[in-house]
Amino acid sequence: MGVERGSGKGLKQMLKRCSSLGKKSNVHVNNSNGVPKGHFVVYVGLSRSRHVIPISFLTHPIFQMLLRQSEEEFGFYQDNGITIPCDEDFFLSLIFSINKP
């Protein structure tokens, strides 16, 4: 399952949409969904478990790869939030490695 290079435009739109989430509000936490400023939500795996991710992850190459896979699998416009098409344990190990200093 290779990552297609032609999907860059949709990925840029998705990244722009996600990165603007924390900038739209002066409130630290959005009470309607509990997402802190500077974060966004992704859903992972078949169970669609919810994970709150820092916007800073959007610039990390591994996370960008996951977003490309999401776009390939589900398309750019996803009705119920961004779904990452991988096993939850694998996703958590990737997040752990991104968080390492």
PDB file of N, CA and C in Angstrom:
ATOM      1  N   MET A   1       0.844  -1.166   0.000  1.00  0.00           N
ATOM      2  CA  MET A   1       0.000   0.000   0.000  1.00  0.00           C
ATOM      3  C   MET A   1       0.898   1.240   0.000  1.00  0.00           C
ATOM      4  N   GLY A   2       1.248   1.752  -1.171  1.00  0.00           N
ATOM      5  CA  GLY A   2       2.113   2.917  -1.273  1.00  0.00           C
ATOM      6  C   GLY A   2       1.342   4.212  -1.088  1.00  0.00           C
ATOM      7  N   VAL A   3       2.079   5.230  -0.719  1.00  0.00           N
ATOM      8  CA  VAL A   3       1.468   6.547  -0.551  1.00  0.00           C
ATOM      9  C   VAL A   3       1.585   7.287  -1.859  1.00  0.00           C
ATOM     10  N   GLU A   4       0.480   7.739  -2.359  1.00  0.00           N
ATOM     11  CA  GLU A   4       0.409   8.435  -3.634  1.00  0.00           C
ATOM     12  C   GLU A   4       0.847   9.878  -3.466  1.00  0.00           C
ATOM     13  N   ARG A   5       1.734  10.361  -4.352  1.00  0.00           N
ATOM     14  CA  ARG A   5       2.232  11.728  -4.257  1.00  0.00           C
ATOM     15  C   ARG A   5       1.229  12.740  -4.784  1.00  0.00           C
ATOM     16  N   GLY A   6       0.314  12.365  -5.641  1.00  0.00           N
ATOM     17  CA  GLY A   6      -0.629  13.290  -6.253  1.00  0.00           C
ATOM     18  C   GLY A   6      -1.690  13.808  -5.307  1.00  0.00           C
ATOM     19  N   SER A   7      -1.755  13.299  -4.102  1.00  0.00           N
ATOM     20  CA  SER A   7      -2.810  13.688  -3.173  1.00  0.00           C
ATOM     21  C   SER A   7      -2.391  14.832  -2.267  1.00  0.00           C
ATOM     22  N   GLY A   8      -1.330  15.546  -2.620  1.00  0.00           N
ATOM     23  CA  GLY A   8      -0.807  16.611  -1.779  1.00  0.00           C
ATOM     24  C   GLY A   8      -1.767  17.751  -1.546  1.00  0.00           C
ATOM     25  N   LYS A   9      -2.579  18.096  -2.554  1.00  0.00           N
ATOM     26  CA  LYS A   9      -3.502  19.222  -2.406  1.00  0.00           C
ATOM     27  C   LYS A   9      -4.536  18.947  -1.313  1.00  0.00           C
ATOM     28  N   GLY A  10      -5.135  17.769  -1.325  1.00  0.00           N
ATOM     29  CA  GLY A  10      -6.115  17.416  -0.301  1.00  0.00           C
ATOM     30  C   GLY A  10      -5.491  17.348   1.079  1.00  0.00           C
ATOM     31  N   LEU A  11      -4.259  16.829   1.156  1.00  0.00           N
ATOM     32  CA  LEU A  11      -3.558  16.748   2.432  1.00  0.00           C
ATOM     33  C   LEU A  11      -3.299  18.144   2.970  1.00  0.00           C
ATOM     34  N   LYS A  12      -2.876  19.062   2.105  1.00  0.00           N
ATOM     35  CA  LYS A  12      -2.624  20.436   2.544  1.00  0.00           C
ATOM     36  C   LYS A  12      -3.901  21.070   3.075  1.00  0.00           C
ATOM     37  N   GLN A  13      -5.037  20.800   2.427  1.00  0.00           N
ATOM     38  CA  GLN A  13      -6.310  21.348   2.895  1.00  0.00           C
ATOM     39  C   GLN A  13      -6.672  20.768   4.253  1.00  0.00           C
ATOM     40  N   MET A  14      -6.455  19.458   4.428  1.00  0.00           N
ATOM     41  CA  MET A  14      -6.756  18.806   5.701  1.00  0.00           C
ATOM     42  C   MET A  14      -5.864  19.382   6.797  1.00  0.00           C
ATOM     43  N   LEU A  15      -4.564  19.552   6.510  1.00  0.00           N
ATOM     44  CA  LEU A  15      -3.648  20.103   7.494  1.00  0.00           C
ATOM     45  C   LEU A  15      -4.022  21.531   7.846  1.00  0.00           C
ATOM     46  N   LYS A  16      -4.404  22.310   6.852  1.00  0.00           N
ATOM     47  CA  LYS A  16      -4.794  23.699   7.099  1.00  0.00           C
ATOM     48  C   LYS A  16      -6.036  23.755   7.977  1.00  0.00           C
ATOM     49  N   ARG A  17      -7.009  22.882   7.680  1.00  0.00           N
ATOM     50  CA  ARG A  17      -8.245  22.851   8.467  1.00  0.00           C
ATOM     51  C   ARG A  17      -7.948  22.455   9.906  1.00  0.00           C
ATOM     52  N   CYS A  18      -7.104  21.450  10.097  1.00  0.00           N
ATOM     53  CA  CYS A  18      -6.764  21.001  11.448  1.00  0.00           C
ATOM     54  C   CYS A  18      -5.948  22.039  12.185  1.00  0.00           C
ATOM     55  N   SER A  19      -4.998  22.668  11.512  1.00  0.00           N
ATOM     56  CA  SER A  19      -4.130  23.615  12.206  1.00  0.00           C
ATOM     57  C   SER A  19      -4.852  24.886  12.580  1.00  0.00           C
ATOM     58  N   SER A  20      -5.975  25.179  11.956  1.00  0.00           N
ATOM     59  CA  SER A  20      -6.717  26.390  12.304  1.00  0.00           C
ATOM     60  C   SER A  20      -7.697  26.163  13.448  1.00  0.00           C
ATOM     61  N   LEU A  21      -7.883  24.944  13.874  1.00  0.00           N
ATOM     62  CA  LEU A  21      -8.853  24.654  14.928  1.00  0.00           C
ATOM     63  C   LEU A  21      -8.520  25.365  16.223  1.00  0.00           C
ATOM     64  N   GLY A  22      -7.278  25.359  16.621  1.00  0.00           N
ATOM     65  CA  GLY A  22      -6.894  25.973  17.876  1.00  0.00           C
ATOM     66  C   GLY A  22      -6.818  27.481  17.811  1.00  0.00           C
ATOM     67  N   LYS A  23      -6.790  28.055  16.623  1.00  0.00           N
ATOM     68  CA  LYS A  23      -6.653  29.497  16.465  1.00  0.00           C
ATOM     69  C   LYS A  23      -7.992  30.215  16.446  1.00  0.00           C
ATOM     70  N   LYS A  24      -9.083  29.513  16.267  1.00  0.00           N
ATOM     71  CA  LYS A  24     -10.386  30.141  16.098  1.00  0.00           C
ATOM     72  C   LYS A  24     -11.007  30.586  17.401  1.00  0.00           C
ATOM     73  N   SER A  25     -10.505  30.113  18.508  1.00  0.00           N
ATOM     74  CA  SER A  25     -11.147  30.397  19.787  1.00  0.00           C
ATOM     75  C   SER A  25     -10.131  30.922  20.786  1.00  0.00           C
ATOM     76  N   ASN A  26     -10.557  31.879  21.599  1.00  0.00           N
ATOM     77  CA  ASN A  26      -9.705  32.371  22.675  1.00  0.00           C
ATOM     78  C   ASN A  26      -9.897  31.563  23.943  1.00  0.00           C
ATOM     79  N   VAL A  27     -10.824  30.638  23.935  1.00  0.00           N
ATOM     80  CA  VAL A  27     -11.113  29.793  25.083  1.00  0.00           C
ATOM     81  C   VAL A  27     -10.109  28.650  25.118  1.00  0.00           C
ATOM     82  N   HIS A  28      -9.588  28.349  26.320  1.00  0.00           N
ATOM     83  CA  HIS A  28      -8.576  27.295  26.443  1.00  0.00           C
ATOM     84  C   HIS A  28      -9.135  25.921  26.082  1.00  0.00           C
ATOM     85  N   VAL A  29     -10.324  25.610  26.538  1.00  0.00           N
ATOM     86  CA  VAL A  29     -10.949  24.327  26.224  1.00  0.00           C
ATOM     87  C   VAL A  29     -12.330  24.585  25.654  1.00  0.00           C
ATOM     88  N   ASN A  30     -12.617  23.930  24.540  1.00  0.00           N
ATOM     89  CA  ASN A  30     -13.940  24.035  23.940  1.00  0.00           C
ATOM     90  C   ASN A  30     -14.861  23.122  24.729  1.00  0.00           C
ATOM     91  N   ASN A  31     -15.787  23.694  25.489  1.00  0.00           N
ATOM     92  CA  ASN A  31     -16.648  22.907  26.376  1.00  0.00           C
ATOM     93  C   ASN A  31     -17.558  21.934  25.648  1.00  0.00           C
ATOM     94  N   SER A  32     -17.870  22.207  24.384  1.00  0.00           N
ATOM     95  CA  SER A  32     -18.797  21.327  23.677  1.00  0.00           C
ATOM     96  C   SER A  32     -18.173  19.971  23.359  1.00  0.00           C
ATOM     97  N   ASN A  33     -16.849  19.908  23.184  1.00  0.00           N
ATOM     98  CA  ASN A  33     -16.254  18.610  22.872  1.00  0.00           C
ATOM     99  C   ASN A  33     -15.006  18.293  23.689  1.00  0.00           C
ATOM    100  N   GLY A  34     -14.618  19.175  24.619  1.00  0.00           N
ATOM    101  CA  GLY A  34     -13.510  18.893  25.525  1.00  0.00           C
ATOM    102  C   GLY A  34     -12.139  18.850  24.879  1.00  0.00           C
ATOM    103  N   VAL A  35     -11.941  19.507  23.739  1.00  0.00           N
ATOM    104  CA  VAL A  35     -10.654  19.503  23.070  1.00  0.00           C
ATOM    105  C   VAL A  35      -9.894  20.772  23.447  1.00  0.00           C
ATOM    106  N   PRO A  36      -8.728  20.630  24.073  1.00  0.00           N
ATOM    107  CA  PRO A  36      -7.956  21.818  24.459  1.00  0.00           C
ATOM    108  C   PRO A  36      -7.503  22.616  23.240  1.00  0.00           C
ATOM    109  N   LYS A  37      -7.313  23.897  23.443  1.00  0.00           N
ATOM    110  CA  LYS A  37      -6.803  24.761  22.384  1.00  0.00           C
ATOM    111  C   LYS A  37      -5.455  24.205  21.919  1.00  0.00           C
ATOM    112  N   GLY A  38      -5.249  24.210  20.606  1.00  0.00           N
ATOM    113  CA  GLY A  38      -4.000  23.705  20.050  1.00  0.00           C
ATOM    114  C   GLY A  38      -3.995  22.206  19.815  1.00  0.00           C
ATOM    115  N   HIS A  39      -5.148  21.570  19.891  1.00  0.00           N
ATOM    116  CA  HIS A  39      -5.281  20.126  19.694  1.00  0.00           C
ATOM    117  C   HIS A  39      -6.425  19.843  18.730  1.00  0.00           C
ATOM    118  N   PHE A  40      -6.473  18.623  18.224  1.00  0.00           N
ATOM    119  CA  PHE A  40      -7.591  18.176  17.398  1.00  0.00           C
ATOM    120  C   PHE A  40      -7.822  16.689  17.650  1.00  0.00           C
ATOM    121  N   VAL A  41      -8.940  16.193  17.192  1.00  0.00           N
ATOM    122  CA  VAL A  41      -9.334  14.811  17.459  1.00  0.00           C
ATOM    123  C   VAL A  41      -9.171  13.963  16.207  1.00  0.00           C
ATOM    124  N   VAL A  42      -8.651  12.763  16.393  1.00  0.00           N
ATOM    125  CA  VAL A  42      -8.647  11.750  15.342  1.00  0.00           C
ATOM    126  C   VAL A  42      -9.278  10.489  15.919  1.00  0.00           C
ATOM    127  N   TYR A  43      -9.790   9.664  15.036  1.00  0.00           N
ATOM    128  CA  TYR A  43     -10.376   8.389  15.423  1.00  0.00           C
ATOM    129  C   TYR A  43      -9.530   7.292  14.801  1.00  0.00           C
ATOM    130  N   VAL A  44      -9.244   6.247  15.579  1.00  0.00           N
ATOM    131  CA  VAL A  44      -8.269   5.245  15.159  1.00  0.00           C
ATOM    132  C   VAL A  44      -8.870   3.852  15.195  1.00  0.00           C
ATOM    133  N   GLY A  45      -8.550   3.081  14.161  1.00  0.00           N
ATOM    134  CA  GLY A  45      -8.888   1.668  14.115  1.00  0.00           C
ATOM    135  C   GLY A  45     -10.355   1.382  13.835  1.00  0.00           C
ATOM    136  N   LEU A  46     -10.675   0.100  13.850  1.00  0.00           N
ATOM    137  CA  LEU A  46     -12.042  -0.342  13.585  1.00  0.00           C
ATOM    138  C   LEU A  46     -13.021   0.142  14.645  1.00  0.00           C
ATOM    139  N   SER A  47     -12.546   0.266  15.877  1.00  0.00           N
ATOM    140  CA  SER A  47     -13.421   0.723  16.959  1.00  0.00           C
ATOM    141  C   SER A  47     -13.572   2.238  16.979  1.00  0.00           C
ATOM    142  N   ARG A  48     -12.808   2.933  16.145  1.00  0.00           N
ATOM    143  CA  ARG A  48     -12.818   4.398  16.074  1.00  0.00           C
ATOM    144  C   ARG A  48     -12.610   5.016  17.456  1.00  0.00           C
ATOM    145  N   SER A  49     -11.571   4.554  18.148  1.00  0.00           N
ATOM    146  CA  SER A  49     -11.270   5.142  19.457  1.00  0.00           C
ATOM    147  C   SER A  49     -10.782   6.572  19.258  1.00  0.00           C
ATOM    148  N   ARG A  50     -11.198   7.446  20.143  1.00  0.00           N
ATOM    149  CA  ARG A  50     -10.956   8.888  20.031  1.00  0.00           C
ATOM    150  C   ARG A  50      -9.638   9.256  20.708  1.00  0.00           C
ATOM    151  N   HIS A  51      -8.804  10.028  19.974  1.00  0.00           N
ATOM    152  CA  HIS A  51      -7.528  10.487  20.505  1.00  0.00           C
ATOM    153  C   HIS A  51      -7.391  11.976  20.237  1.00  0.00           C
ATOM    154  N   VAL A  52      -6.986  12.724  21.273  1.00  0.00           N
ATOM    155  CA  VAL A  52      -6.758  14.163  21.149  1.00  0.00           C
ATOM    156  C   VAL A  52      -5.267  14.358  20.902  1.00  0.00           C
ATOM    157  N   ILE A  53      -4.968  15.005  19.765  1.00  0.00           N
ATOM    158  CA  ILE A  53      -3.600  15.116  19.280  1.00  0.00           C
ATOM    159  C   ILE A  53      -3.183  16.587  19.238  1.00  0.00           C
ATOM    160  N   PRO A  54      -1.947  16.908  19.646  1.00  0.00           N
ATOM    161  CA  PRO A  54      -1.476  18.293  19.518  1.00  0.00           C
ATOM    162  C   PRO A  54      -1.327  18.684  18.045  1.00  0.00           C
ATOM    163  N   ILE A  55      -1.661  19.904  17.733  1.00  0.00           N
ATOM    164  CA  ILE A  55      -1.542  20.384  16.355  1.00  0.00           C
ATOM    165  C   ILE A  55      -0.093  20.318  15.883  1.00  0.00           C
ATOM    166  N   SER A  56       0.860  20.409  16.787  1.00  0.00           N
ATOM    167  CA  SER A  56       2.274  20.341  16.403  1.00  0.00           C
ATOM    168  C   SER A  56       2.620  19.036  15.679  1.00  0.00           C
ATOM    169  N   PHE A  57       1.823  17.975  15.882  1.00  0.00           N
ATOM    170  CA  PHE A  57       2.061  16.701  15.194  1.00  0.00           C
ATOM    171  C   PHE A  57       1.874  16.823  13.684  1.00  0.00           C
ATOM    172  N   LEU A  58       1.140  17.822  13.238  1.00  0.00           N
ATOM    173  CA  LEU A  58       0.846  17.967  11.814  1.00  0.00           C
ATOM    174  C   LEU A  58       2.095  18.170  10.969  1.00  0.00           C
ATOM    175  N   THR A  59       3.162  18.636  11.554  1.00  0.00           N
ATOM    176  CA  THR A  59       4.391  18.852  10.799  1.00  0.00           C
ATOM    177  C   THR A  59       5.312  17.639  10.826  1.00  0.00           C
ATOM    178  N   HIS A  60       4.978  16.631  11.605  1.00  0.00           N
ATOM    179  CA  HIS A  60       5.830  15.442  11.709  1.00  0.00           C
ATOM    180  C   HIS A  60       5.587  14.512  10.513  1.00  0.00           C
ATOM    181  N   PRO A  61       6.665  14.056   9.860  1.00  0.00           N
ATOM    182  CA  PRO A  61       6.516  13.208   8.661  1.00  0.00           C
ATOM    183  C   PRO A  61       5.702  11.930   8.889  1.00  0.00           C
ATOM    184  N   ILE A  62       5.844  11.303  10.043  1.00  0.00           N
ATOM    185  CA  ILE A  62       5.087  10.073  10.312  1.00  0.00           C
ATOM    186  C   ILE A  62       3.595  10.380  10.382  1.00  0.00           C
ATOM    187  N   PHE A  63       3.236  11.452  11.073  1.00  0.00           N
ATOM    188  CA  PHE A  63       1.826  11.796  11.188  1.00  0.00           C
ATOM    189  C   PHE A  63       1.266  12.227   9.830  1.00  0.00           C
ATOM    190  N   GLN A  64       2.058  12.920   9.027  1.00  0.00           N
ATOM    191  CA  GLN A  64       1.620  13.297   7.683  1.00  0.00           C
ATOM    192  C   GLN A  64       1.353  12.058   6.839  1.00  0.00           C
ATOM    193  N   MET A  65       2.169  11.015   7.016  1.00  0.00           N
ATOM    194  CA  MET A  65       1.950   9.755   6.316  1.00  0.00           C
ATOM    195  C   MET A  65       0.600   9.148   6.722  1.00  0.00           C
ATOM    196  N   LEU A  66       0.295   9.188   8.020  1.00  0.00           N
ATOM    197  CA  LEU A  66      -0.993   8.664   8.496  1.00  0.00           C
ATOM    198  C   LEU A  66      -2.161   9.451   7.898  1.00  0.00           C
ATOM    199  N   LEU A  67      -2.015  10.769   7.791  1.00  0.00           N
ATOM    200  CA  LEU A  67      -3.072  11.585   7.196  1.00  0.00           C
ATOM    201  C   LEU A  67      -3.244  11.272   5.712  1.00  0.00           C
ATOM    202  N   ARG A  68      -2.140  11.025   5.013  1.00  0.00           N
ATOM    203  CA  ARG A  68      -2.241  10.641   3.595  1.00  0.00           C
ATOM    204  C   ARG A  68      -2.982   9.315   3.450  1.00  0.00           C
ATOM    205  N   GLN A  69      -2.660   8.361   4.331  1.00  0.00           N
ATOM    206  CA  GLN A  69      -3.348   7.070   4.293  1.00  0.00           C
ATOM    207  C   GLN A  69      -4.832   7.251   4.578  1.00  0.00           C
ATOM    208  N   SER A  70      -5.157   8.130   5.502  1.00  0.00           N
ATOM    209  CA  SER A  70      -6.552   8.414   5.815  1.00  0.00           C
ATOM    210  C   SER A  70      -7.263   8.985   4.601  1.00  0.00           C
ATOM    211  N   GLU A  71      -6.599   9.910   3.925  1.00  0.00           N
ATOM    212  CA  GLU A  71      -7.194  10.520   2.736  1.00  0.00           C
ATOM    213  C   GLU A  71      -7.403   9.484   1.634  1.00  0.00           C
ATOM    214  N   GLU A  72      -6.424   8.593   1.437  1.00  0.00           N
ATOM    215  CA  GLU A  72      -6.547   7.559   0.409  1.00  0.00           C
ATOM    216  C   GLU A  72      -7.694   6.598   0.721  1.00  0.00           C
ATOM    217  N   GLU A  73      -7.809   6.229   1.991  1.00  0.00           N
ATOM    218  CA  GLU A  73      -8.815   5.241   2.394  1.00  0.00           C
ATOM    219  C   GLU A  73     -10.225   5.818   2.468  1.00  0.00           C
ATOM    220  N   PHE A  74     -10.351   7.016   3.042  1.00  0.00           N
ATOM    221  CA  PHE A  74     -11.673   7.558   3.334  1.00  0.00           C
ATOM    222  C   PHE A  74     -12.009   8.833   2.568  1.00  0.00           C
ATOM    223  N   GLY A  75     -11.046   9.417   1.892  1.00  0.00           N
ATOM    224  CA  GLY A  75     -11.279  10.671   1.187  1.00  0.00           C
ATOM    225  C   GLY A  75     -11.001  11.859   2.087  1.00  0.00           C
ATOM    226  N   PHE A  76     -10.942  13.021   1.474  1.00  0.00           N
ATOM    227  CA  PHE A  76     -10.616  14.235   2.213  1.00  0.00           C
ATOM    228  C   PHE A  76     -11.759  14.673   3.106  1.00  0.00           C
ATOM    229  N   TYR A  77     -12.995  14.583   2.635  1.00  0.00           N
ATOM    230  CA  TYR A  77     -14.151  15.044   3.405  1.00  0.00           C
ATOM    231  C   TYR A  77     -14.756  13.861   4.144  1.00  0.00           C
ATOM    232  N   GLN A  78     -14.444  13.766   5.431  1.00  0.00           N
ATOM    233  CA  GLN A  78     -14.955  12.693   6.264  1.00  0.00           C
ATOM    234  C   GLN A  78     -16.029  13.269   7.177  1.00  0.00           C
ATOM    235  N   ASP A  79     -17.199  12.669   7.155  1.00  0.00           N
ATOM    236  CA  ASP A  79     -18.341  13.188   7.904  1.00  0.00           C
ATOM    237  C   ASP A  79     -18.142  13.186   9.422  1.00  0.00           C
ATOM    238  N   ASN A  80     -17.524  12.167   9.939  1.00  0.00           N
ATOM    239  CA  ASN A  80     -17.455  12.004  11.394  1.00  0.00           C
ATOM    240  C   ASN A  80     -16.056  12.197  11.944  1.00  0.00           C
ATOM    241  N   GLY A  81     -15.290  13.134  11.428  1.00  0.00           N
ATOM    242  CA  GLY A  81     -13.941  13.379  11.908  1.00  0.00           C
ATOM    243  C   GLY A  81     -12.908  12.578  11.151  1.00  0.00           C
ATOM    244  N   ILE A  82     -11.654  12.913  11.376  1.00  0.00           N
ATOM    245  CA  ILE A  82     -10.553  12.251  10.687  1.00  0.00           C
ATOM    246  C   ILE A  82     -10.342  10.871  11.296  1.00  0.00           C
ATOM    247  N   THR A  83     -10.423   9.853  10.453  1.00  0.00           N
ATOM    248  CA  THR A  83     -10.198   8.479  10.878  1.00  0.00           C
ATOM    249  C   THR A  83      -8.845   8.021  10.364  1.00  0.00           C
ATOM    250  N   ILE A  84      -8.009   7.523  11.252  1.00  0.00           N
ATOM    251  CA  ILE A  84      -6.694   7.005  10.887  1.00  0.00           C
ATOM    252  C   ILE A  84      -6.834   5.495  10.695  1.00  0.00           C
ATOM    253  N   PRO A  85      -6.540   5.004   9.482  1.00  0.00           N
ATOM    254  CA  PRO A  85      -6.760   3.586   9.175  1.00  0.00           C
ATOM    255  C   PRO A  85      -5.587   2.691   9.589  1.00  0.00           C
ATOM    256  N   CYS A  86      -5.419   2.506  10.889  1.00  0.00           N
ATOM    257  CA  CYS A  86      -4.395   1.576  11.350  1.00  0.00           C
ATOM    258  C   CYS A  86      -4.825   1.004  12.696  1.00  0.00           C
ATOM    259  N   ASP A  87      -4.123  -0.007  13.114  1.00  0.00           N
ATOM    260  CA  ASP A  87      -4.367  -0.640  14.395  1.00  0.00           C
ATOM    261  C   ASP A  87      -4.077   0.355  15.520  1.00  0.00           C
ATOM    262  N   GLU A  88      -4.895   0.358  16.551  1.00  0.00           N
ATOM    263  CA  GLU A  88      -4.732   1.323  17.638  1.00  0.00           C
ATOM    264  C   GLU A  88      -3.390   1.163  18.359  1.00  0.00           C
ATOM    265  N   ASP A  89      -2.938  -0.053  18.582  1.00  0.00           N
ATOM    266  CA  ASP A  89      -1.642  -0.263  19.246  1.00  0.00           C
ATOM    267  C   ASP A  89      -0.501   0.315  18.408  1.00  0.00           C
ATOM    268  N   PHE A  90      -0.579   0.115  17.090  1.00  0.00           N
ATOM    269  CA  PHE A  90       0.429   0.680  16.191  1.00  0.00           C
ATOM    270  C   PHE A  90       0.399   2.203  16.256  1.00  0.00           C
ATOM    271  N   PHE A  91      -0.799   2.783  16.234  1.00  0.00           N
ATOM    272  CA  PHE A  91      -0.951   4.236  16.318  1.00  0.00           C
ATOM    273  C   PHE A  91      -0.347   4.762  17.618  1.00  0.00           C
ATOM    274  N   LEU A  92      -0.651   4.121  18.724  1.00  0.00           N
ATOM    275  CA  LEU A  92      -0.118   4.561  20.020  1.00  0.00           C
ATOM    276  C   LEU A  92       1.402   4.481  20.066  1.00  0.00           C
ATOM    277  N   SER A  93       1.974   3.455  19.438  1.00  0.00           N
ATOM    278  CA  SER A  93       3.440   3.358  19.419  1.00  0.00           C
ATOM    279  C   SER A  93       4.040   4.473  18.553  1.00  0.00           C
ATOM    280  N   LEU A  94       3.368   4.833  17.466  1.00  0.00           N
ATOM    281  CA  LEU A  94       3.839   5.946  16.643  1.00  0.00           C
ATOM    282  C   LEU A  94       3.764   7.266  17.406  1.00  0.00           C
ATOM    283  N   ILE A  95       2.655   7.475  18.100  1.00  0.00           N
ATOM    284  CA  ILE A  95       2.486   8.701  18.886  1.00  0.00           C
ATOM    285  C   ILE A  95       3.558   8.776  19.975  1.00  0.00           C
ATOM    286  N   PHE A  96       3.833   7.642  20.591  1.00  0.00           N
ATOM    287  CA  PHE A  96       4.875   7.591  21.623  1.00  0.00           C
ATOM    288  C   PHE A  96       6.220   7.973  21.029  1.00  0.00           C
ATOM    289  N   SER A  97       6.537   7.461  19.834  1.00  0.00           N
ATOM    290  CA  SER A  97       7.827   7.779  19.219  1.00  0.00           C
ATOM    291  C   SER A  97       7.905   9.240  18.775  1.00  0.00           C
ATOM    292  N   ILE A  98       6.776   9.826  18.376  1.00  0.00           N
ATOM    293  CA  ILE A  98       6.752  11.246  18.007  1.00  0.00           C
ATOM    294  C   ILE A  98       6.974  12.098  19.240  1.00  0.00           C
ATOM    295  N   ASN A  99       6.442  11.700  20.375  1.00  0.00           N
ATOM    296  CA  ASN A  99       6.561  12.460  21.620  1.00  0.00           C
ATOM    297  C   ASN A  99       7.953  12.394  22.234  1.00  0.00           C
ATOM    298  N   LYS A 100       8.771  11.417  21.849  1.00  0.00           N
ATOM    299  CA  LYS A 100      10.105  11.283  22.431  1.00  0.00           C
ATOM    300  C   LYS A 100      10.945  12.502  22.085  1.00  0.00           C
ATOM    301  N   PRO A 101      11.676  13.040  23.068  1.00  0.00           N
ATOM    302  CA  PRO A 101      12.548  14.204  22.795  1.00  0.00           C
ATOM    303  C   PRO A 101      13.775  13.840  21.994  1.00  0.00           C
TER     304      PRO A 101
END
